[in-house]
Amino acid sequence: MTDFLNDLLFIFQRLNWLSVIDILLVTLTFFILLYFLRDTQALVLLRGVLFLIVLLALLTSLVELPAFSWLIQSTLPALVLAIPVIFAPEIRRGLERLGRAGMFISSGGKTANLETRQVIRAIVSACARLSARQHGALIVIQRLDNLDEYNDTGVRLNAKVTPELLLQIFYPNTPLHDGAVIISGLQSPKGMFLSAAACVMPLSASGILARSPERQMGLRHRAALGISEVSDAVAVVVSEQTGSISIAHSGRMIRRLDPERLENILTAFFQPNGGIEKPSWLQQFFPYLFLRKDGEP
């Protein structure tokens, strides 16, 4: 015990401010890596890889195994080259977020702010009425990432966003009710508009919904998470079974929202009050850090 305390004291005596910065940078790197891989199959794979590396390190260091050590040293470069292939989707998503950190949504003045506020109110009003009627809906709101490839999977409308139009689209058994509605034009001088309906969204494979104790979440929720994982879009879901309202962004979902909380969250994302301001890099990487536990900004 005395030797351990002496060794620990020796380490602390050698610490300086550069060492502290070095440790903090390494910690921040691992934090960002784990944040990007959260709730994905890649995180499970990463755990397996780390466990295997630790096990092999213990075997080669504690036991004299020259042939096995040679095999590990020979295969390690191949493993390093395989990591970018295995984690290609997560690396791409992380680089896209890094690239978006230097971008901002241009403001279009008071007129654009008023139109954005009206669009948010139209979405909230439609979701409240859809929830009361228990009509399922999926509304995807584009931000910086281009969603043209998903617009092409549906029916182009290029219409003004109104509660009545959204109610008509998601009325059961109508031609456009099965699929997602995409609202675009946040950066356009003409303002936001309903670009397409009945669009096909990618399904999430993260397993978040499978681990939920509730079983009311189906394909709409998986599609909302899926589009939020591959882009920076915000997806609003109304459950057909329960009528509950949820919102998904960046691979995470806030559930059981009332109309007031939904409006607060959309306002936090699109900032229509006083202009669509340039979000900080921290807000672009971790927007949920700027929402309280009740979902309000």
Protein backbone atom coordinates (compact mmCIF):
# COMPACT_ATOMS: atom_id res chain seq x y z
CA MET A 1 0.00 0.00 0.00
CA THR A 2 2.86 2.35 0.82
CA ASP A 3 4.51 1.70 -2.54
CA PHE A 4 1.22 2.37 -4.32
CA LEU A 5 0.78 5.70 -2.55
CA ASN A 6 4.36 6.66 -3.34
CA ASP A 7 3.87 5.84 -7.00
CA LEU A 8 0.63 7.83 -7.05
CA LEU A 9 2.32 10.81 -5.40
CA PHE A 10 5.17 10.60 -7.90
CA ILE A 11 2.67 10.78 -10.79
CA PHE A 12 0.91 13.83 -9.35
CA GLN A 13 4.23 15.58 -8.78
CA ARG A 14 5.08 15.28 -12.46
CA LEU A 15 1.74 16.74 -13.60
CA ASN A 16 1.73 20.20 -15.15
CA TRP A 17 -0.81 22.25 -17.08
CA LEU A 18 0.24 20.70 -20.40
CA SER A 19 -0.36 17.23 -18.99
CA VAL A 20 -3.83 18.27 -17.82
CA ILE A 21 -4.67 19.66 -21.28
CA ASP A 22 -3.36 16.46 -22.85
CA ILE A 23 -5.59 14.30 -20.63
CA LEU A 24 -8.62 16.53 -21.27
CA LEU A 25 -8.11 16.31 -25.05
CA VAL A 26 -7.94 12.52 -24.93
CA THR A 27 -11.07 12.45 -22.74
CA LEU A 28 -12.91 14.78 -25.12
CA THR A 29 -11.94 12.62 -28.10
CA PHE A 30 -13.36 9.50 -26.48
CA PHE A 31 -16.48 11.40 -25.39
CA ILE A 32 -17.19 12.61 -28.94
CA LEU A 33 -16.53 9.13 -30.34
CA LEU A 34 -18.93 7.49 -27.89
CA TYR A 35 -21.51 10.25 -28.45
CA PHE A 36 -21.53 9.64 -32.21
CA LEU A 37 -21.80 5.86 -31.71
CA ARG A 38 -24.48 6.00 -29.03
CA ASP A 39 -27.50 3.69 -29.48
CA THR A 40 -26.03 2.10 -32.61
CA GLN A 41 -24.92 -1.40 -33.47
CA ALA A 42 -21.42 0.03 -33.90
CA LEU A 43 -21.25 0.72 -30.15
CA VAL A 44 -21.86 -2.96 -29.41
CA LEU A 45 -19.19 -3.86 -31.95
CA LEU A 46 -16.80 -1.35 -30.40
CA ARG A 47 -17.30 -2.93 -26.97
CA GLY A 48 -16.45 -6.33 -28.42
CA VAL A 49 -13.31 -4.98 -30.11
CA LEU A 50 -12.14 -3.24 -26.91
CA PHE A 51 -12.78 -6.37 -24.85
CA LEU A 52 -10.80 -8.46 -27.34
CA ILE A 53 -7.90 -5.99 -27.36
CA VAL A 54 -7.73 -5.90 -23.55
CA LEU A 55 -7.87 -9.69 -23.36
CA LEU A 56 -5.11 -10.12 -25.93
CA ALA A 57 -2.96 -7.50 -24.21
CA LEU A 58 -3.27 -9.34 -20.89
CA LEU A 59 -2.45 -12.68 -22.49
CA THR A 60 0.64 -11.40 -24.27
CA SER A 61 1.94 -9.43 -21.28
CA LEU A 62 1.25 -11.82 -18.38
CA VAL A 63 2.09 -15.09 -20.13
CA GLU A 64 5.12 -15.92 -22.26
CA LEU A 65 3.54 -16.85 -25.59
CA PRO A 66 6.00 -15.95 -28.38
CA ALA A 67 4.11 -17.57 -31.27
CA PHE A 68 0.77 -16.09 -30.22
CA SER A 69 2.36 -12.69 -29.69
CA TRP A 70 3.83 -12.83 -33.20
CA LEU A 71 0.39 -13.68 -34.61
CA ILE A 72 -1.24 -10.72 -32.83
CA GLN A 73 1.47 -8.31 -33.96
CA SER A 74 1.08 -9.53 -37.55
CA THR A 75 -2.71 -9.20 -37.67
CA LEU A 76 -2.93 -5.86 -35.82
CA PRO A 77 -2.20 -3.70 -38.94
CA ALA A 78 -4.98 -5.51 -40.82
CA LEU A 79 -7.36 -4.78 -37.94
CA VAL A 80 -6.45 -1.09 -38.03
CA LEU A 81 -7.19 -0.98 -41.78
CA ALA A 82 -10.51 -2.79 -41.24
CA ILE A 83 -11.80 -0.28 -38.66
CA PRO A 84 -12.65 2.45 -41.25
CA VAL A 85 -14.58 -0.13 -43.28
CA ILE A 86 -16.51 -1.43 -40.26
CA PHE A 87 -17.37 2.01 -38.92
CA ALA A 88 -17.84 3.71 -42.31
CA PRO A 89 -21.44 4.97 -41.68
CA GLU A 90 -20.58 6.39 -38.26
CA ILE A 91 -17.38 8.04 -39.56
CA ARG A 92 -19.33 9.60 -42.44
CA ARG A 93 -22.01 10.89 -40.08
CA GLY A 94 -19.41 12.38 -37.76
CA LEU A 95 -17.59 14.12 -40.62
CA GLU A 96 -20.91 15.51 -41.88
CA ARG A 97 -21.62 16.98 -38.45
CA LEU A 98 -18.11 18.41 -38.35
CA GLY A 99 -18.65 20.02 -41.74
CA ARG A 100 -21.97 21.50 -40.62
CA ALA A 101 -20.30 23.10 -37.61
CA GLY A 102 -18.99 25.92 -39.79
CA MET A 103 -22.28 26.52 -41.56
CA PHE A 104 -25.26 28.60 -40.55
CA ILE A 105 -28.83 29.16 -41.64
CA SER A 106 -29.13 32.53 -43.29
CA SER A 107 -31.78 34.85 -41.99
CA GLY A 108 -34.38 36.23 -44.32
CA GLY A 109 -35.54 39.13 -42.16
CA LYS A 110 -38.80 39.68 -40.33
CA THR A 111 -40.91 38.25 -43.17
CA ALA A 112 -39.02 34.94 -43.14
CA ASN A 113 -39.24 34.83 -39.34
CA LEU A 114 -43.00 35.35 -39.47
CA GLU A 115 -43.40 32.65 -42.11
CA THR A 116 -41.28 30.20 -40.11
CA ARG A 117 -43.34 30.92 -37.00
CA GLN A 118 -46.54 30.34 -38.96
CA VAL A 119 -45.22 27.03 -40.32
CA ILE A 120 -44.34 25.87 -36.81
CA ARG A 121 -47.80 26.80 -35.55
CA ALA A 122 -49.40 24.99 -38.49
CA ILE A 123 -47.40 21.83 -37.71
CA VAL A 124 -48.26 22.02 -34.00
CA SER A 125 -51.95 22.61 -34.71
CA ALA A 126 -52.10 19.71 -37.17
CA CYS A 127 -50.27 17.36 -34.77
CA ALA A 128 -52.64 18.27 -31.93
CA ARG A 129 -55.70 17.50 -34.06
CA LEU A 130 -54.15 14.33 -35.49
CA SER A 131 -53.30 13.20 -31.96
CA ALA A 132 -56.88 13.78 -30.79
CA ARG A 133 -58.18 11.70 -33.71
CA GLN A 134 -55.41 9.07 -33.37
CA HIS A 135 -54.39 9.46 -37.02
CA GLY A 136 -50.77 8.47 -37.60
CA ALA A 137 -48.41 11.01 -39.15
CA LEU A 138 -44.73 11.56 -39.92
CA ILE A 139 -43.55 15.11 -40.67
CA VAL A 140 -39.88 15.64 -41.58
CA ILE A 141 -38.58 19.22 -41.43
CA GLN A 142 -35.42 19.86 -43.44
CA ARG A 143 -32.60 21.90 -41.94
CA LEU A 144 -29.14 22.09 -43.59
CA ASP A 145 -28.86 18.64 -45.17
CA ASN A 146 -30.37 18.16 -48.62
CA LEU A 147 -33.33 15.73 -48.69
CA ASP A 148 -33.97 15.69 -52.46
CA GLU A 149 -33.33 11.96 -52.71
CA TYR A 150 -36.17 11.34 -50.25
CA ASN A 151 -38.41 13.92 -51.96
CA ASP A 152 -38.05 11.90 -55.15
CA THR A 153 -39.51 8.81 -53.46
CA GLY A 154 -42.85 10.56 -52.88
CA VAL A 155 -45.29 12.86 -54.65
CA ARG A 156 -44.13 16.43 -55.23
CA LEU A 157 -46.57 19.05 -53.94
CA ASN A 158 -44.64 22.32 -53.37
CA ALA A 159 -47.60 23.63 -51.38
CA LYS A 160 -48.08 26.04 -48.51
CA VAL A 161 -47.96 24.39 -45.09
CA THR A 162 -51.40 24.55 -43.45
CA PRO A 163 -53.04 22.40 -40.75
CA GLU A 164 -55.88 21.50 -43.13
CA LEU A 165 -53.48 20.21 -45.78
CA LEU A 166 -51.59 18.05 -43.26
CA LEU A 167 -54.88 16.70 -41.86
CA GLN A 168 -56.04 15.80 -45.36
CA ILE A 169 -52.76 14.10 -46.27
CA PHE A 170 -52.72 11.91 -43.16
CA TYR A 171 -56.43 11.06 -43.20
CA PRO A 172 -56.60 7.23 -43.12
CA ASN A 173 -56.81 5.39 -46.44
CA THR A 174 -56.11 8.46 -48.58
CA PRO A 175 -53.51 8.05 -51.36
CA LEU A 176 -50.79 10.07 -49.57
CA HIS A 177 -51.29 9.09 -45.94
CA ASP A 178 -48.81 6.18 -45.97
CA GLY A 179 -45.37 7.79 -45.81
CA ALA A 180 -43.68 10.95 -44.64
CA VAL A 181 -44.28 14.59 -45.45
CA ILE A 182 -41.14 16.69 -46.06
CA ILE A 183 -41.14 20.41 -45.31
CA SER A 184 -38.30 22.27 -47.03
CA GLY A 185 -37.21 25.82 -47.79
CA LEU A 186 -35.72 26.92 -44.47
CA GLN A 187 -32.83 28.57 -46.33
CA SER A 188 -34.96 29.71 -49.27
CA PRO A 189 -35.95 33.38 -49.54
CA LYS A 190 -39.50 32.22 -50.37
CA GLY A 191 -39.81 30.55 -46.99
CA MET A 192 -40.74 27.04 -45.89
CA PHE A 193 -43.16 24.92 -47.94
CA LEU A 194 -44.46 21.35 -48.10
CA SER A 195 -42.26 19.88 -50.82
CA ALA A 196 -43.49 16.26 -51.01
CA ALA A 197 -45.75 13.68 -49.38
CA ALA A 198 -45.84 9.86 -49.21
CA CYS A 199 -42.02 9.83 -49.03
CA VAL A 200 -40.07 6.72 -48.03
CA MET A 201 -37.67 7.22 -45.12
CA PRO A 202 -34.76 4.94 -44.08
CA LEU A 203 -35.55 2.75 -41.08
CA SER A 204 -33.38 2.93 -37.98
CA ALA A 205 -31.44 -0.16 -36.97
CA SER A 206 -30.19 1.29 -33.67
CA GLY A 207 -32.41 -0.88 -31.48
CA ILE A 208 -33.69 2.01 -29.31
CA LEU A 209 -37.31 1.16 -29.96
CA ALA A 210 -36.75 -2.55 -29.40
CA ARG A 211 -35.40 -1.86 -25.91
CA SER A 212 -38.36 0.31 -24.98
CA PRO A 213 -40.74 -1.25 -22.43
CA GLU A 214 -43.64 0.08 -24.50
CA ARG A 215 -44.67 -1.61 -27.74
CA GLN A 216 -46.76 1.14 -29.33
CA MET A 217 -43.92 2.35 -31.57
CA GLY A 218 -43.83 1.00 -35.08
CA LEU A 219 -42.50 1.81 -38.54
CA ARG A 220 -43.23 5.55 -38.32
CA HIS A 221 -41.04 5.88 -35.23
CA ARG A 222 -38.30 3.77 -36.81
CA ALA A 223 -38.47 5.94 -39.94
CA ALA A 224 -38.30 9.13 -37.84
CA LEU A 225 -35.20 7.86 -36.06
CA GLY A 226 -33.74 6.64 -39.36
CA ILE A 227 -33.96 10.01 -41.13
CA SER A 228 -32.59 11.74 -38.02
CA GLU A 229 -29.59 9.39 -38.04
CA VAL A 230 -28.63 10.05 -41.67
CA SER A 231 -29.37 13.80 -41.70
CA ASP A 232 -29.85 16.79 -39.40
CA ALA A 233 -33.60 16.91 -40.13
CA VAL A 234 -36.19 17.10 -37.35
CA ALA A 235 -38.95 14.46 -37.52
CA VAL A 236 -42.32 14.77 -35.76
CA VAL A 237 -44.35 11.58 -35.27
CA VAL A 238 -47.96 11.06 -34.24
CA SER A 239 -48.71 7.52 -33.10
CA GLU A 240 -51.69 5.85 -34.73
CA GLN A 241 -52.22 3.52 -31.75
CA THR A 242 -51.99 5.97 -28.85
CA GLY A 243 -52.08 9.42 -30.45
CA SER A 244 -48.91 10.43 -28.60
CA ILE A 245 -46.61 12.99 -30.21
CA SER A 246 -42.85 12.40 -30.46
CA ILE A 247 -39.93 14.28 -32.00
CA ALA A 248 -36.66 12.79 -33.28
CA HIS A 249 -33.33 14.44 -34.02
CA SER A 250 -29.76 13.20 -34.24
CA GLY A 251 -30.77 9.61 -33.52
CA ARG A 252 -32.63 10.48 -30.31
CA MET A 253 -36.34 10.74 -29.56
CA ILE A 254 -38.41 12.73 -27.05
CA ARG A 255 -41.82 11.14 -26.53
CA ARG A 256 -45.24 11.98 -25.07
CA LEU A 257 -45.19 15.65 -25.96
CA ASP A 258 -48.12 18.01 -25.61
CA PRO A 259 -48.64 20.75 -28.25
CA GLU A 260 -47.02 23.44 -26.09
CA ARG A 261 -43.84 21.43 -25.54
CA LEU A 262 -43.74 20.50 -29.22
CA GLU A 263 -43.88 24.16 -30.19
CA ASN A 264 -41.14 25.01 -27.69
CA ILE A 265 -38.83 22.33 -29.10
CA LEU A 266 -39.43 23.33 -32.73
CA THR A 267 -38.82 26.95 -31.74
CA ALA A 268 -35.53 25.92 -30.12
CA PHE A 269 -34.43 24.14 -33.30
CA PHE A 270 -35.43 26.76 -35.84
CA GLN A 271 -35.20 29.93 -33.70
CA PRO A 272 -37.83 32.02 -35.47
CA ASN A 273 -37.87 34.70 -32.77
CA GLY A 274 -35.68 37.65 -33.72
CA GLY A 275 -34.19 35.97 -36.76
CA ILE A 276 -32.84 32.54 -37.53
CA GLU A 277 -29.59 32.98 -35.70
CA LYS A 278 -26.34 31.27 -36.35
CA PRO A 279 -26.16 28.27 -34.00
CA SER A 280 -22.93 27.75 -32.13
CA TRP A 281 -20.78 24.71 -32.89
CA LEU A 282 -21.84 23.21 -29.56
CA GLN A 283 -25.53 23.59 -30.44
CA GLN A 284 -24.98 21.98 -33.83
CA PHE A 285 -23.17 18.98 -32.35
CA PHE A 286 -25.26 18.57 -29.16
CA PRO A 287 -28.62 20.35 -29.63
CA TYR A 288 -30.21 18.31 -26.85
CA LEU A 289 -27.86 19.87 -24.31
CA PHE A 290 -29.82 23.11 -24.78
CA LEU A 291 -33.19 21.54 -23.94
CA ARG A 292 -34.40 21.05 -20.39
CA LYS A 293 -35.64 17.70 -19.18
CA ASP A 294 -39.21 18.73 -19.97
CA GLY A 295 -38.23 19.31 -23.61
CA GLU A 296 -38.30 23.10 -23.46
CA PRO A 297 -35.39 25.36 -24.57
